[in-house]
């Protein structure tokens, strides 16, 4: 799993919660590092903040993940309530949206759901 956030505290939370749930987690703090990791690694899920500092956004990473073979599901985490979940998922190839603040258990369940949904689509 690839996790991107430019907030060190959120990145630690992602690593801790997802590792405790048994996921192998690669964490990065910039969009550039995330794109590089996506090019060289194989991931079953991308978790990204919607708004990150720098030229790359979480949505740009979601689009890049959707172009991988096979496509990598994406969970976007955001504190922004301005976009509806339907708009975000239809527009940017996002599997799930998780609004901040969130409980670690909710993060884990959303990630598990996104991975299982992708597996079901691939098997079908």
PDB file of N, CA and C in Angstrom:
ATOM      1  N   UNK A   1       0.849  -1.168   0.000  1.00  0.00           N
ATOM      2  CA  UNK A   1       0.000   0.000   0.000  1.00  0.00           C
ATOM      3  C   UNK A   1       0.896   1.232   0.000  1.00  0.00           C
ATOM      4  N   UNK A   2       0.496   2.209  -0.774  1.00  0.00           N
ATOM      5  CA  UNK A   2       1.212   3.479  -0.848  1.00  0.00           C
ATOM      6  C   UNK A   2       0.367   4.536  -0.156  1.00  0.00           C
ATOM      7  N   UNK A   3       0.969   5.262   0.790  1.00  0.00           N
ATOM      8  CA  UNK A   3       0.250   6.302   1.525  1.00  0.00           C
ATOM      9  C   UNK A   3       0.965   7.638   1.349  1.00  0.00           C
ATOM     10  N   UNK A   4       0.202   8.671   0.973  1.00  0.00           N
ATOM     11  CA  UNK A   4       0.736  10.010   0.754  1.00  0.00           C
ATOM     12  C   UNK A   4      -0.023  11.023   1.597  1.00  0.00           C
ATOM     13  N   UNK A   5       0.734  11.799   2.367  1.00  0.00           N
ATOM     14  CA  UNK A   5       0.184  12.959   3.068  1.00  0.00           C
ATOM     15  C   UNK A   5       1.345  13.884   3.374  1.00  0.00           C
ATOM     16  N   UNK A   6       1.124  15.191   3.289  1.00  0.00           N
ATOM     17  CA  UNK A   6       2.195  16.134   3.590  1.00  0.00           C
ATOM     18  C   UNK A   6       2.203  16.556   5.056  1.00  0.00           C
ATOM     19  N   UNK A   7       1.274  16.033   5.840  1.00  0.00           N
ATOM     20  CA  UNK A   7       1.234  16.296   7.273  1.00  0.00           C
ATOM     21  C   UNK A   7       1.903  15.118   7.989  1.00  0.00           C
ATOM     22  N   UNK A   8       3.045  15.346   8.643  1.00  0.00           N
ATOM     23  CA  UNK A   8       3.762  14.240   9.286  1.00  0.00           C
ATOM     24  C   UNK A   8       2.926  13.473  10.315  1.00  0.00           C
ATOM     25  N   UNK A   9       2.067  14.169  11.050  1.00  0.00           N
ATOM     26  CA  UNK A   9       1.238  13.492  12.052  1.00  0.00           C
ATOM     27  C   UNK A   9       0.238  12.532  11.388  1.00  0.00           C
ATOM     28  N   UNK A  10      -0.382  12.965  10.299  1.00  0.00           N
ATOM     29  CA  UNK A  10      -1.321  12.092   9.578  1.00  0.00           C
ATOM     30  C   UNK A  10      -0.573  10.932   8.951  1.00  0.00           C
ATOM     31  N   UNK A  11       0.613  11.185   8.424  1.00  0.00           N
ATOM     32  CA  UNK A  11       1.410  10.123   7.817  1.00  0.00           C
ATOM     33  C   UNK A  11       1.785   9.061   8.854  1.00  0.00           C
ATOM     34  N   UNK A  12       2.136   9.500  10.062  1.00  0.00           N
ATOM     35  CA  UNK A  12       2.436   8.534  11.147  1.00  0.00           C
ATOM     36  C   UNK A  12       1.191   7.730  11.499  1.00  0.00           C
ATOM     37  N   UNK A  13       0.035   8.399  11.558  1.00  0.00           N
ATOM     38  CA  UNK A  13      -1.220   7.707  11.846  1.00  0.00           C
ATOM     39  C   UNK A  13      -1.514   6.659  10.776  1.00  0.00           C
ATOM     40  N   UNK A  14      -1.348   7.028   9.504  1.00  0.00           N
ATOM     41  CA  UNK A  14      -1.588   6.084   8.412  1.00  0.00           C
ATOM     42  C   UNK A  14      -0.674   4.870   8.543  1.00  0.00           C
ATOM     43  N   UNK A  15       0.621   5.123   8.753  1.00  0.00           N
ATOM     44  CA  UNK A  15       1.577   4.021   8.869  1.00  0.00           C
ATOM     45  C   UNK A  15       1.220   3.111  10.044  1.00  0.00           C
ATOM     46  N   UNK A  16       0.962   3.706  11.186  1.00  0.00           N
ATOM     47  CA  UNK A  16       0.696   2.940  12.406  1.00  0.00           C
ATOM     48  C   UNK A  16      -0.590   2.117  12.269  1.00  0.00           C
ATOM     49  N   UNK A  17      -1.671   2.747  11.850  1.00  0.00           N
ATOM     50  CA  UNK A  17      -2.965   2.057  11.782  1.00  0.00           C
ATOM     51  C   UNK A  17      -2.969   0.964  10.718  1.00  0.00           C
ATOM     52  N   UNK A  18      -2.418   1.269   9.560  1.00  0.00           N
ATOM     53  CA  UNK A  18      -2.452   0.292   8.469  1.00  0.00           C
ATOM     54  C   UNK A  18      -1.462  -0.847   8.698  1.00  0.00           C
ATOM     55  N   UNK A  19      -0.300  -0.538   9.273  1.00  0.00           N
ATOM     56  CA  UNK A  19       0.657  -1.599   9.609  1.00  0.00           C
ATOM     57  C   UNK A  19       0.085  -2.525  10.678  1.00  0.00           C
ATOM     58  N   UNK A  20      -0.567  -1.945  11.671  1.00  0.00           N
ATOM     59  CA  UNK A  20      -1.175  -2.754  12.733  1.00  0.00           C
ATOM     60  C   UNK A  20      -2.254  -3.684  12.187  1.00  0.00           C
ATOM     61  N   UNK A  21      -2.882  -3.286  11.068  1.00  0.00           N
ATOM     62  CA  UNK A  21      -3.920  -4.115  10.447  1.00  0.00           C
ATOM     63  C   UNK A  21      -3.325  -5.160   9.499  1.00  0.00           C
ATOM     64  N   UNK A  22      -1.993  -5.181   9.390  1.00  0.00           N
ATOM     65  CA  UNK A  22      -1.343  -6.194   8.578  1.00  0.00           C
ATOM     66  C   UNK A  22      -0.950  -5.769   7.172  1.00  0.00           C
ATOM     67  N   UNK A  23      -1.140  -4.500   6.847  1.00  0.00           N
ATOM     68  CA  UNK A  23      -0.754  -4.007   5.530  1.00  0.00           C
ATOM     69  C   UNK A  23       0.737  -3.656   5.506  1.00  0.00           C
ATOM     70  N   UNK A  24       1.392  -3.934   4.396  1.00  0.00           N
ATOM     71  CA  UNK A  24       2.738  -3.430   4.151  1.00  0.00           C
ATOM     72  C   UNK A  24       2.559  -2.025   3.590  1.00  0.00           C
ATOM     73  N   UNK A  25       3.107  -1.022   4.270  1.00  0.00           N
ATOM     74  CA  UNK A  25       2.829   0.370   3.926  1.00  0.00           C
ATOM     75  C   UNK A  25       4.114   1.103   3.555  1.00  0.00           C
ATOM     76  N   UNK A  26       4.100   1.740   2.395  1.00  0.00           N
ATOM     77  CA  UNK A  26       5.151   2.659   1.976  1.00  0.00           C
ATOM     78  C   UNK A  26       4.576   4.052   2.128  1.00  0.00           C
ATOM     79  N   UNK A  27       5.226   4.898   2.930  1.00  0.00           N
ATOM     80  CA  UNK A  27       4.721   6.248   3.145  1.00  0.00           C
ATOM     81  C   UNK A  27       5.633   7.260   2.471  1.00  0.00           C
ATOM     82  N   UNK A  28       5.022   8.265   1.866  1.00  0.00           N
ATOM     83  CA  UNK A  28       5.745   9.360   1.218  1.00  0.00           C
ATOM     84  C   UNK A  28       5.039  10.667   1.557  1.00  0.00           C
ATOM     85  N   UNK A  29       5.807  11.762   1.492  1.00  0.00           N
ATOM     86  CA  UNK A  29       5.231  13.043   1.901  1.00  0.00           C
ATOM     87  C   UNK A  29       5.090  14.041   0.767  1.00  0.00           C
ATOM     88  N   UNK A  30       5.465  13.642  -0.464  1.00  0.00           N
ATOM     89  CA  UNK A  30       5.307  14.558  -1.598  1.00  0.00           C
ATOM     90  C   UNK A  30       4.654  13.820  -2.766  1.00  0.00           C
ATOM     91  N   UNK A  31       3.975  14.576  -3.600  1.00  0.00           N
ATOM     92  CA  UNK A  31       3.366  14.000  -4.785  1.00  0.00           C
ATOM     93  C   UNK A  31       4.407  13.406  -5.718  1.00  0.00           C
ATOM     94  N   UNK A  32       5.541  14.086  -5.837  1.00  0.00           N
ATOM     95  CA  UNK A  32       6.612  13.587  -6.701  1.00  0.00           C
ATOM     96  C   UNK A  32       7.101  12.215  -6.219  1.00  0.00           C
ATOM     97  N   UNK A  33       7.330  12.083  -4.926  1.00  0.00           N
ATOM     98  CA  UNK A  33       7.779  10.798  -4.380  1.00  0.00           C
ATOM     99  C   UNK A  33       6.722   9.717  -4.584  1.00  0.00           C
ATOM    100  N   UNK A  34       5.453  10.088  -4.472  1.00  0.00           N
ATOM    101  CA  UNK A  34       4.369   9.119  -4.672  1.00  0.00           C
ATOM    102  C   UNK A  34       4.335   8.631  -6.113  1.00  0.00           C
ATOM    103  N   UNK A  35       4.484   9.547  -7.062  1.00  0.00           N
ATOM    104  CA  UNK A  35       4.488   9.162  -8.476  1.00  0.00           C
ATOM    105  C   UNK A  35       5.674   8.252  -8.790  1.00  0.00           C
ATOM    106  N   UNK A  36       6.833   8.560  -8.220  1.00  0.00           N
ATOM    107  CA  UNK A  36       8.006   7.712  -8.431  1.00  0.00           C
ATOM    108  C   UNK A  36       7.783   6.326  -7.851  1.00  0.00           C
ATOM    109  N   UNK A  37       7.243   6.261  -6.650  1.00  0.00           N
ATOM    110  CA  UNK A  37       6.982   4.968  -6.020  1.00  0.00           C
ATOM    111  C   UNK A  37       5.988   4.158  -6.837  1.00  0.00           C
ATOM    112  N   UNK A  38       4.979   4.809  -7.363  1.00  0.00           N
ATOM    113  CA  UNK A  38       3.959   4.134  -8.164  1.00  0.00           C
ATOM    114  C   UNK A  38       4.558   3.572  -9.455  1.00  0.00           C
ATOM    115  N   UNK A  39       5.553   4.240  -9.996  1.00  0.00           N
ATOM    116  CA  UNK A  39       6.194   3.770 -11.231  1.00  0.00           C
ATOM    117  C   UNK A  39       7.074   2.547 -11.006  1.00  0.00           C
ATOM    118  N   UNK A  40       7.706   2.460  -9.844  1.00  0.00           N
ATOM    119  CA  UNK A  40       8.662   1.369  -9.623  1.00  0.00           C
ATOM    120  C   UNK A  40       8.114   0.248  -8.737  1.00  0.00           C
ATOM    121  N   UNK A  41       7.068   0.523  -7.976  1.00  0.00           N
ATOM    122  CA  UNK A  41       6.537  -0.480  -7.060  1.00  0.00           C
ATOM    123  C   UNK A  41       5.211  -1.039  -7.523  1.00  0.00           C
ATOM    124  N   UNK A  42       4.788  -2.085  -6.833  1.00  0.00           N
ATOM    125  CA  UNK A  42       3.481  -2.688  -7.099  1.00  0.00           C
ATOM    126  C   UNK A  42       2.665  -2.543  -5.814  1.00  0.00           C
ATOM    127  N   UNK A  43       1.531  -1.872  -5.927  1.00  0.00           N
ATOM    128  CA  UNK A  43       0.717  -1.573  -4.755  1.00  0.00           C
ATOM    129  C   UNK A  43      -0.710  -2.077  -4.966  1.00  0.00           C
ATOM    130  N   UNK A  44      -1.335  -2.542  -3.888  1.00  0.00           N
ATOM    131  CA  UNK A  44      -2.725  -2.985  -3.976  1.00  0.00           C
ATOM    132  C   UNK A  44      -3.696  -1.852  -3.661  1.00  0.00           C
ATOM    133  N   UNK A  45      -3.168  -0.708  -3.154  1.00  0.00           N
ATOM    134  CA  UNK A  45      -4.013   0.433  -2.799  1.00  0.00           C
ATOM    135  C   UNK A  45      -3.145   1.672  -2.649  1.00  0.00           C
ATOM    136  N   UNK A  46      -3.715   2.821  -2.993  1.00  0.00           N
ATOM    137  CA  UNK A  46      -3.106   4.119  -2.720  1.00  0.00           C
ATOM    138  C   UNK A  46      -4.038   4.859  -1.781  1.00  0.00           C
ATOM    139  N   UNK A  47      -3.469   5.405  -0.709  1.00  0.00           N
ATOM    140  CA  UNK A  47      -4.207   6.284   0.206  1.00  0.00           C
ATOM    141  C   UNK A  47      -3.537   7.641   0.097  1.00  0.00           C
ATOM    142  N   UNK A  48      -4.301   8.661  -0.260  1.00  0.00           N
ATOM    143  CA  UNK A  48      -3.715   9.982  -0.460  1.00  0.00           C
ATOM    144  C   UNK A  48      -4.600  11.085   0.090  1.00  0.00           C
ATOM    145  N   UNK A  49      -3.947  12.100   0.613  1.00  0.00           N
ATOM    146  CA  UNK A  49      -4.657  13.310   0.986  1.00  0.00           C
ATOM    147  C   UNK A  49      -5.086  14.007  -0.304  1.00  0.00           C
ATOM    148  N   UNK A  50      -6.224  14.648  -0.291  1.00  0.00           N
ATOM    149  CA  UNK A  50      -6.719  15.349  -1.466  1.00  0.00           C
ATOM    150  C   UNK A  50      -5.860  16.573  -1.771  1.00  0.00           C
ATOM    151  N   UNK A  51      -5.579  17.364  -0.754  1.00  0.00           N
ATOM    152  CA  UNK A  51      -4.826  18.611  -0.931  1.00  0.00           C
ATOM    153  C   UNK A  51      -3.450  18.446  -0.306  1.00  0.00           C
ATOM    154  N   UNK A  52      -2.436  18.385  -1.137  1.00  0.00           N
ATOM    155  CA  UNK A  52      -1.070  18.299  -0.646  1.00  0.00           C
ATOM    156  C   UNK A  52      -0.286  19.482  -1.180  1.00  0.00           C
ATOM    157  N   UNK A  53       0.775  19.850  -0.463  1.00  0.00           N
ATOM    158  CA  UNK A  53       1.621  20.951  -0.919  1.00  0.00           C
ATOM    159  C   UNK A  53       2.390  20.522  -2.153  1.00  0.00           C
ATOM    160  N   UNK A  54       2.696  21.468  -3.001  1.00  0.00           N
ATOM    161  CA  UNK A  54       3.484  21.177  -4.194  1.00  0.00           C
ATOM    162  C   UNK A  54       2.619  21.127  -5.427  1.00  0.00           C
ATOM    163  N   UNK A  55       3.266  20.837  -6.566  1.00  0.00           N
ATOM    164  CA  UNK A  55       2.549  20.888  -7.838  1.00  0.00           C
ATOM    165  C   UNK A  55       1.591  19.726  -8.075  1.00  0.00           C
ATOM    166  N   UNK A  56       1.778  18.618  -7.417  1.00  0.00           N
ATOM    167  CA  UNK A  56       0.922  17.451  -7.618  1.00  0.00           C
ATOM    168  C   UNK A  56      -0.173  17.402  -6.564  1.00  0.00           C
ATOM    169  N   UNK A  57      -1.361  17.020  -6.961  1.00  0.00           N
ATOM    170  CA  UNK A  57      -2.460  16.877  -6.003  1.00  0.00           C
ATOM    171  C   UNK A  57      -2.755  15.403  -5.781  1.00  0.00           C
ATOM    172  N   UNK A  58      -3.552  15.138  -4.782  1.00  0.00           N
ATOM    173  CA  UNK A  58      -3.994  13.771  -4.552  1.00  0.00           C
ATOM    174  C   UNK A  58      -4.789  13.238  -5.733  1.00  0.00           C
ATOM    175  N   UNK A  59      -5.519  14.121  -6.420  1.00  0.00           N
ATOM    176  CA  UNK A  59      -6.296  13.679  -7.582  1.00  0.00           C
ATOM    177  C   UNK A  59      -5.393  13.296  -8.747  1.00  0.00           C
ATOM    178  N   UNK A  60      -4.258  13.999  -8.891  1.00  0.00           N
ATOM    179  CA  UNK A  60      -3.304  13.621  -9.947  1.00  0.00           C
ATOM    180  C   UNK A  60      -2.751  12.237  -9.668  1.00  0.00           C
ATOM    181  N   UNK A  61      -2.496  11.939  -8.409  1.00  0.00           N
ATOM    182  CA  UNK A  61      -2.016  10.604  -8.051  1.00  0.00           C
ATOM    183  C   UNK A  61      -3.100   9.562  -8.301  1.00  0.00           C
ATOM    184  N   UNK A  62      -4.357   9.903  -8.022  1.00  0.00           N
ATOM    185  CA  UNK A  62      -5.466   8.976  -8.281  1.00  0.00           C
ATOM    186  C   UNK A  62      -5.558   8.654  -9.766  1.00  0.00           C
ATOM    187  N   UNK A  63      -5.414   9.657 -10.608  1.00  0.00           N
ATOM    188  CA  UNK A  63      -5.441   9.410 -12.056  1.00  0.00           C
ATOM    189  C   UNK A  63      -4.288   8.520 -12.486  1.00  0.00           C
ATOM    190  N   UNK A  64      -3.099   8.764 -11.940  1.00  0.00           N
ATOM    191  CA  UNK A  64      -1.935   7.942 -12.278  1.00  0.00           C
ATOM    192  C   UNK A  64      -2.149   6.496 -11.828  1.00  0.00           C
ATOM    193  N   UNK A  65      -2.717   6.307 -10.655  1.00  0.00           N
ATOM    194  CA  UNK A  65      -2.972   4.954 -10.143  1.00  0.00           C
ATOM    195  C   UNK A  65      -3.984   4.225 -11.018  1.00  0.00           C
ATOM    196  N   UNK A  66      -4.950   4.968 -11.557  1.00  0.00           N
ATOM    197  CA  UNK A  66      -5.970   4.335 -12.407  1.00  0.00           C
ATOM    198  C   UNK A  66      -5.397   3.883 -13.743  1.00  0.00           C
ATOM    199  N   UNK A  67      -4.246   4.433 -14.125  1.00  0.00           N
ATOM    200  CA  UNK A  67      -3.619   4.068 -15.388  1.00  0.00           C
ATOM    201  C   UNK A  67      -2.609   2.931 -15.249  1.00  0.00           C
ATOM    202  N   UNK A  68      -2.374   2.477 -14.019  1.00  0.00           N
ATOM    203  CA  UNK A  68      -1.486   1.334 -13.808  1.00  0.00           C
ATOM    204  C   UNK A  68      -2.161   0.071 -14.335  1.00  0.00           C
ATOM    205  N   UNK A  69      -1.371  -0.942 -14.623  1.00  0.00           N
ATOM    206  CA  UNK A  69      -1.926  -2.222 -15.058  1.00  0.00           C
ATOM    207  C   UNK A  69      -1.512  -3.283 -14.062  1.00  0.00           C
ATOM    208  N   UNK A  70      -2.452  -3.831 -13.297  1.00  0.00           N
ATOM    209  CA  UNK A  70      -3.860  -3.448 -13.244  1.00  0.00           C
ATOM    210  C   UNK A  70      -4.031  -2.126 -12.487  1.00  0.00           C
ATOM    211  N   UNK A  71      -5.195  -1.514 -12.671  1.00  0.00           N
ATOM    212  CA  UNK A  71      -5.494  -0.251 -11.993  1.00  0.00           C
ATOM    213  C   UNK A  71      -5.418  -0.447 -10.480  1.00  0.00           C
ATOM    214  N   UNK A  72      -4.901   0.559  -9.804  1.00  0.00           N
ATOM    215  CA  UNK A  72      -4.761   0.513  -8.346  1.00  0.00           C
ATOM    216  C   UNK A  72      -5.885   1.341  -7.738  1.00  0.00           C
ATOM    217  N   UNK A  73      -6.679   0.749  -6.835  1.00  0.00           N
ATOM    218  CA  UNK A  73      -7.744   1.531  -6.198  1.00  0.00           C
ATOM    219  C   UNK A  73      -7.156   2.630  -5.314  1.00  0.00           C
ATOM    220  N   UNK A  74      -7.926   3.707  -5.136  1.00  0.00           N
ATOM    221  CA  UNK A  74      -7.456   4.873  -4.395  1.00  0.00           C
ATOM    222  C   UNK A  74      -8.479   5.270  -3.339  1.00  0.00           C
ATOM    223  N   UNK A  75      -7.978   5.498  -2.133  1.00  0.00           N
ATOM    224  CA  UNK A  75      -8.774   6.080  -1.055  1.00  0.00           C
ATOM    225  C   UNK A  75      -8.239   7.485  -0.837  1.00  0.00           C
ATOM    226  N   UNK A  76      -9.108   8.482  -0.947  1.00  0.00           N
ATOM    227  CA  UNK A  76      -8.734   9.867  -0.711  1.00  0.00           C
ATOM    228  C   UNK A  76      -9.193  10.258   0.681  1.00  0.00           C
ATOM    229  N   UNK A  77      -8.275  10.866   1.431  1.00  0.00           N
ATOM    230  CA  UNK A  77      -8.646  11.420   2.734  1.00  0.00           C
ATOM    231  C   UNK A  77      -8.637  12.942   2.604  1.00  0.00           C
ATOM    232  N   UNK A  78      -9.627  13.570   3.191  1.00  0.00           N
ATOM    233  CA  UNK A  78      -9.746  15.024   3.057  1.00  0.00           C
ATOM    234  C   UNK A  78     -10.528  15.623   4.212  1.00  0.00           C
ATOM    235  N   UNK A  79     -10.200  16.838   4.522  1.00  0.00           N
ATOM    236  CA  UNK A  79     -10.973  17.607   5.477  1.00  0.00           C
ATOM    237  C   UNK A  79     -11.978  18.501   4.785  1.00  0.00           C
ATOM    238  N   UNK A  80     -11.948  18.491   3.455  1.00  0.00           N
ATOM    239  CA  UNK A  80     -12.828  19.345   2.651  1.00  0.00           C
ATOM    240  C   UNK A  80     -14.165  18.661   2.436  1.00  0.00           C
ATOM    241  N   UNK A  81     -15.216  19.339   2.796  1.00  0.00           N
ATOM    242  CA  UNK A  81     -16.558  18.803   2.608  1.00  0.00           C
ATOM    243  C   UNK A  81     -17.235  19.447   1.392  1.00  0.00           C
ATOM    244  N   UNK A  82     -16.439  20.125   0.554  1.00  0.00           N
ATOM    245  CA  UNK A  82     -17.022  20.873  -0.553  1.00  0.00           C
ATOM    246  C   UNK A  82     -17.393  20.013  -1.748  1.00  0.00           C
ATOM    247  N   UNK A  83     -16.773  18.842  -1.895  1.00  0.00           N
ATOM    248  CA  UNK A  83     -17.117  17.942  -3.004  1.00  0.00           C
ATOM    249  C   UNK A  83     -17.909  16.773  -2.456  1.00  0.00           C
ATOM    250  N   UNK A  84     -18.915  16.383  -3.175  1.00  0.00           N
ATOM    251  CA  UNK A  84     -19.634  15.187  -2.752  1.00  0.00           C
ATOM    252  C   UNK A  84     -18.816  13.960  -3.130  1.00  0.00           C
ATOM    253  N   UNK A  85     -19.033  12.877  -2.428  1.00  0.00           N
ATOM    254  CA  UNK A  85     -18.322  11.637  -2.716  1.00  0.00           C
ATOM    255  C   UNK A  85     -18.570  11.184  -4.143  1.00  0.00           C
ATOM    256  N   UNK A  86     -19.792  11.289  -4.628  1.00  0.00           N
ATOM    257  CA  UNK A  86     -20.114  10.874  -5.988  1.00  0.00           C
ATOM    258  C   UNK A  86     -19.351  11.678  -7.028  1.00  0.00           C
ATOM    259  N   UNK A  87     -19.279  12.994  -6.845  1.00  0.00           N
ATOM    260  CA  UNK A  87     -18.529  13.832  -7.781  1.00  0.00           C
ATOM    261  C   UNK A  87     -17.061  13.434  -7.808  1.00  0.00           C
ATOM    262  N   UNK A  88     -16.502  13.217  -6.644  1.00  0.00           N
ATOM    263  CA  UNK A  88     -15.087  12.898  -6.548  1.00  0.00           C
ATOM    264  C   UNK A  88     -14.778  11.546  -7.159  1.00  0.00           C
ATOM    265  N   UNK A  89     -15.566  10.544  -6.865  1.00  0.00           N
ATOM    266  CA  UNK A  89     -15.278   9.216  -7.398  1.00  0.00           C
ATOM    267  C   UNK A  89     -15.525   9.144  -8.894  1.00  0.00           C
ATOM    268  N   UNK A  90     -16.558   9.800  -9.410  1.00  0.00           N
ATOM    269  CA  UNK A  90     -16.814   9.782 -10.847  1.00  0.00           C
ATOM    270  C   UNK A  90     -15.741  10.532 -11.630  1.00  0.00           C
ATOM    271  N   UNK A  91     -15.266  11.616 -11.083  1.00  0.00           N
ATOM    272  CA  UNK A  91     -14.367  12.491 -11.813  1.00  0.00           C
ATOM    273  C   UNK A  91     -12.926  12.012 -11.819  1.00  0.00           C
ATOM    274  N   UNK A  92     -12.479  11.343 -10.775  1.00  0.00           N
ATOM    275  CA  UNK A  92     -11.043  11.151 -10.630  1.00  0.00           C
ATOM    276  C   UNK A  92     -10.594   9.718 -10.360  1.00  0.00           C
ATOM    277  N   UNK A  93     -11.432   8.760 -10.597  1.00  0.00           N
ATOM    278  CA  UNK A  93     -11.055   7.361 -10.402  1.00  0.00           C
ATOM    279  C   UNK A  93     -10.748   7.031  -8.942  1.00  0.00           C
ATOM    280  N   UNK A  94     -11.445   7.666  -8.034  1.00  0.00           N
ATOM    281  CA  UNK A  94     -11.265   7.432  -6.606  1.00  0.00           C
ATOM    282  C   UNK A  94     -12.251   6.362  -6.169  1.00  0.00           C
ATOM    283  N   UNK A  95     -11.749   5.371  -5.444  1.00  0.00           N
ATOM    284  CA  UNK A  95     -12.604   4.279  -4.979  1.00  0.00           C
ATOM    285  C   UNK A  95     -13.441   4.683  -3.769  1.00  0.00           C
ATOM    286  N   UNK A  96     -12.809   5.338  -2.817  1.00  0.00           N
ATOM    287  CA  UNK A  96     -13.474   5.725  -1.570  1.00  0.00           C
ATOM    288  C   UNK A  96     -12.958   7.085  -1.114  1.00  0.00           C
ATOM    289  N   UNK A  97     -13.802   7.810  -0.386  1.00  0.00           N
ATOM    290  CA  UNK A  97     -13.427   9.082   0.214  1.00  0.00           C
ATOM    291  C   UNK A  97     -13.630   8.967   1.712  1.00  0.00           C
ATOM    292  N   UNK A  98     -12.618   9.356   2.469  1.00  0.00           N
ATOM    293  CA  UNK A  98     -12.674   9.307   3.917  1.00  0.00           C
ATOM    294  C   UNK A  98     -12.476  10.721   4.445  1.00  0.00           C
ATOM    295  N   UNK A  99     -13.497  11.243   5.132  1.00  0.00           N
ATOM    296  CA  UNK A  99     -13.445  12.611   5.648  1.00  0.00           C
ATOM    297  C   UNK A  99     -12.713  12.666   6.982  1.00  0.00           C
ATOM    298  N   UNK A 100     -11.846  13.686   7.124  1.00  0.00           N
ATOM    299  CA  UNK A 100     -11.150  13.933   8.386  1.00  0.00           C
ATOM    300  C   UNK A 100     -12.084  14.680   9.318  1.00  0.00           C
ATOM    301  N   UNK A 101     -12.004  14.478  10.577  1.00  0.00           N
ATOM    302  CA  UNK A 101     -11.164  13.492  11.259  1.00  0.00           C
ATOM    303  C   UNK A 101     -11.785  12.097  11.148  1.00  0.00           C
ATOM    304  N   UNK A 102     -10.958  11.087  11.200  1.00  0.00           N
ATOM    305  CA  UNK A 102     -11.443   9.717  11.101  1.00  0.00           C
ATOM    306  C   UNK A 102     -10.763   8.849  12.152  1.00  0.00           C
ATOM    307  N   UNK A 103     -11.453   7.811  12.544  1.00  0.00           N
ATOM    308  CA  UNK A 103     -10.891   6.844  13.480  1.00  0.00           C
ATOM    309  C   UNK A 103     -10.002   5.876  12.711  1.00  0.00           C
ATOM    310  N   UNK A 104      -8.916   5.429  13.315  1.00  0.00           N
ATOM    311  CA  UNK A 104      -8.061   4.449  12.639  1.00  0.00           C
ATOM    312  C   UNK A 104      -8.827   3.213  12.170  1.00  0.00           C
ATOM    313  N   UNK A 105      -9.806   2.779  12.953  1.00  0.00           N
ATOM    314  CA  UNK A 105     -10.592   1.601  12.561  1.00  0.00           C
ATOM    315  C   UNK A 105     -11.401   1.873  11.297  1.00  0.00           C
ATOM    316  N   UNK A 106     -11.888   3.095  11.138  1.00  0.00           N
ATOM    317  CA  UNK A 106     -12.624   3.468   9.926  1.00  0.00           C
ATOM    318  C   UNK A 106     -11.674   3.478   8.730  1.00  0.00           C
ATOM    319  N   UNK A 107     -10.466   4.003   8.905  1.00  0.00           N
ATOM    320  CA  UNK A 107      -9.463   3.992   7.847  1.00  0.00           C
ATOM    321  C   UNK A 107      -9.206   2.564   7.368  1.00  0.00           C
ATOM    322  N   UNK A 108      -8.986   1.670   8.311  1.00  0.00           N
ATOM    323  CA  UNK A 108      -8.694   0.272   7.972  1.00  0.00           C
ATOM    324  C   UNK A 108      -9.867  -0.358   7.225  1.00  0.00           C
ATOM    325  N   UNK A 109     -11.084  -0.146   7.701  1.00  0.00           N
ATOM    326  CA  UNK A 109     -12.239  -0.773   7.047  1.00  0.00           C
ATOM    327  C   UNK A 109     -12.459  -0.211   5.641  1.00  0.00           C
ATOM    328  N   UNK A 110     -12.257   1.086   5.446  1.00  0.00           N
ATOM    329  CA  UNK A 110     -12.405   1.683   4.117  1.00  0.00           C
ATOM    330  C   UNK A 110     -11.348   1.123   3.169  1.00  0.00           C
ATOM    331  N   UNK A 111     -10.127   0.982   3.644  1.00  0.00           N
ATOM    332  CA  UNK A 111      -9.050   0.430   2.813  1.00  0.00           C
ATOM    333  C   UNK A 111      -9.335  -1.028   2.450  1.00  0.00           C
ATOM    334  N   UNK A 112      -9.762  -1.810   3.416  1.00  0.00           N
ATOM    335  CA  UNK A 112     -10.100  -3.213   3.144  1.00  0.00           C
ATOM    336  C   UNK A 112     -11.221  -3.311   2.120  1.00  0.00           C
ATOM    337  N   UNK A 113     -12.235  -2.463   2.254  1.00  0.00           N
ATOM    338  CA  UNK A 113     -13.356  -2.466   1.320  1.00  0.00           C
ATOM    339  C   UNK A 113     -12.887  -2.124  -0.097  1.00  0.00           C
ATOM    340  N   UNK A 114     -12.038  -1.105  -0.235  1.00  0.00           N
ATOM    341  CA  UNK A 114     -11.555  -0.687  -1.557  1.00  0.00           C
ATOM    342  C   UNK A 114     -10.744  -1.801  -2.224  1.00  0.00           C
ATOM    343  N   UNK A 115      -9.918  -2.479  -1.457  1.00  0.00           N
ATOM    344  CA  UNK A 115      -9.109  -3.582  -2.003  1.00  0.00           C
ATOM    345  C   UNK A 115     -10.004  -4.730  -2.420  1.00  0.00           C
ATOM    346  N   UNK A 116     -10.948  -5.096  -1.574  1.00  0.00           N
ATOM    347  CA  UNK A 116     -11.858  -6.202  -1.916  1.00  0.00           C
ATOM    348  C   UNK A 116     -12.736  -5.870  -3.123  1.00  0.00           C
ATOM    349  N   UNK A 117     -13.198  -4.638  -3.213  1.00  0.00           N
ATOM    350  CA  UNK A 117     -14.011  -4.231  -4.360  1.00  0.00           C
ATOM    351  C   UNK A 117     -13.198  -4.334  -5.645  1.00  0.00           C
ATOM    352  N   UNK A 118     -11.938  -3.940  -5.606  1.00  0.00           N
ATOM    353  CA  UNK A 118     -11.076  -4.036  -6.788  1.00  0.00           C
ATOM    354  C   UNK A 118     -10.851  -5.489  -7.161  1.00  0.00           C
ATOM    355  N   UNK A 119     -10.642  -6.349  -6.179  1.00  0.00           N
ATOM    356  CA  UNK A 119     -10.460  -7.779  -6.459  1.00  0.00           C
ATOM    357  C   UNK A 119     -11.699  -8.377  -7.082  1.00  0.00           C
ATOM    358  N   UNK A 120     -12.861  -7.979  -6.591  1.00  0.00           N
ATOM    359  CA  UNK A 120     -14.123  -8.486  -7.144  1.00  0.00           C
ATOM    360  C   UNK A 120     -14.291  -8.074  -8.603  1.00  0.00           C
ATOM    361  N   UNK A 121     -13.944  -6.810  -8.915  1.00  0.00           N
ATOM    362  CA  UNK A 121     -14.023  -6.339 -10.296  1.00  0.00           C
ATOM    363  C   UNK A 121     -13.040  -7.096 -11.186  1.00  0.00           C
ATOM    364  N   UNK A 122     -11.855  -7.371 -10.667  1.00  0.00           N
ATOM    365  CA  UNK A 122     -10.842  -8.084 -11.462  1.00  0.00           C
ATOM    366  C   UNK A 122     -11.221  -9.540 -11.697  1.00  0.00           C
ATOM    367  N   UNK A 123     -11.871 -10.160 -10.709  1.00  0.00           N
ATOM    368  CA  UNK A 123     -12.268 -11.565 -10.823  1.00  0.00           C
ATOM    369  C   UNK A 123     -13.497 -11.747 -11.724  1.00  0.00           C
ATOM    370  N   UNK A 124     -14.291 -10.691 -11.818  1.00  0.00           N
ATOM    371  CA  UNK A 124     -15.572 -10.772 -12.534  1.00  0.00           C
ATOM    372  C   UNK A 124     -15.422 -10.502 -13.945  1.00  0.00           C
TER     373      UNK A 124
END
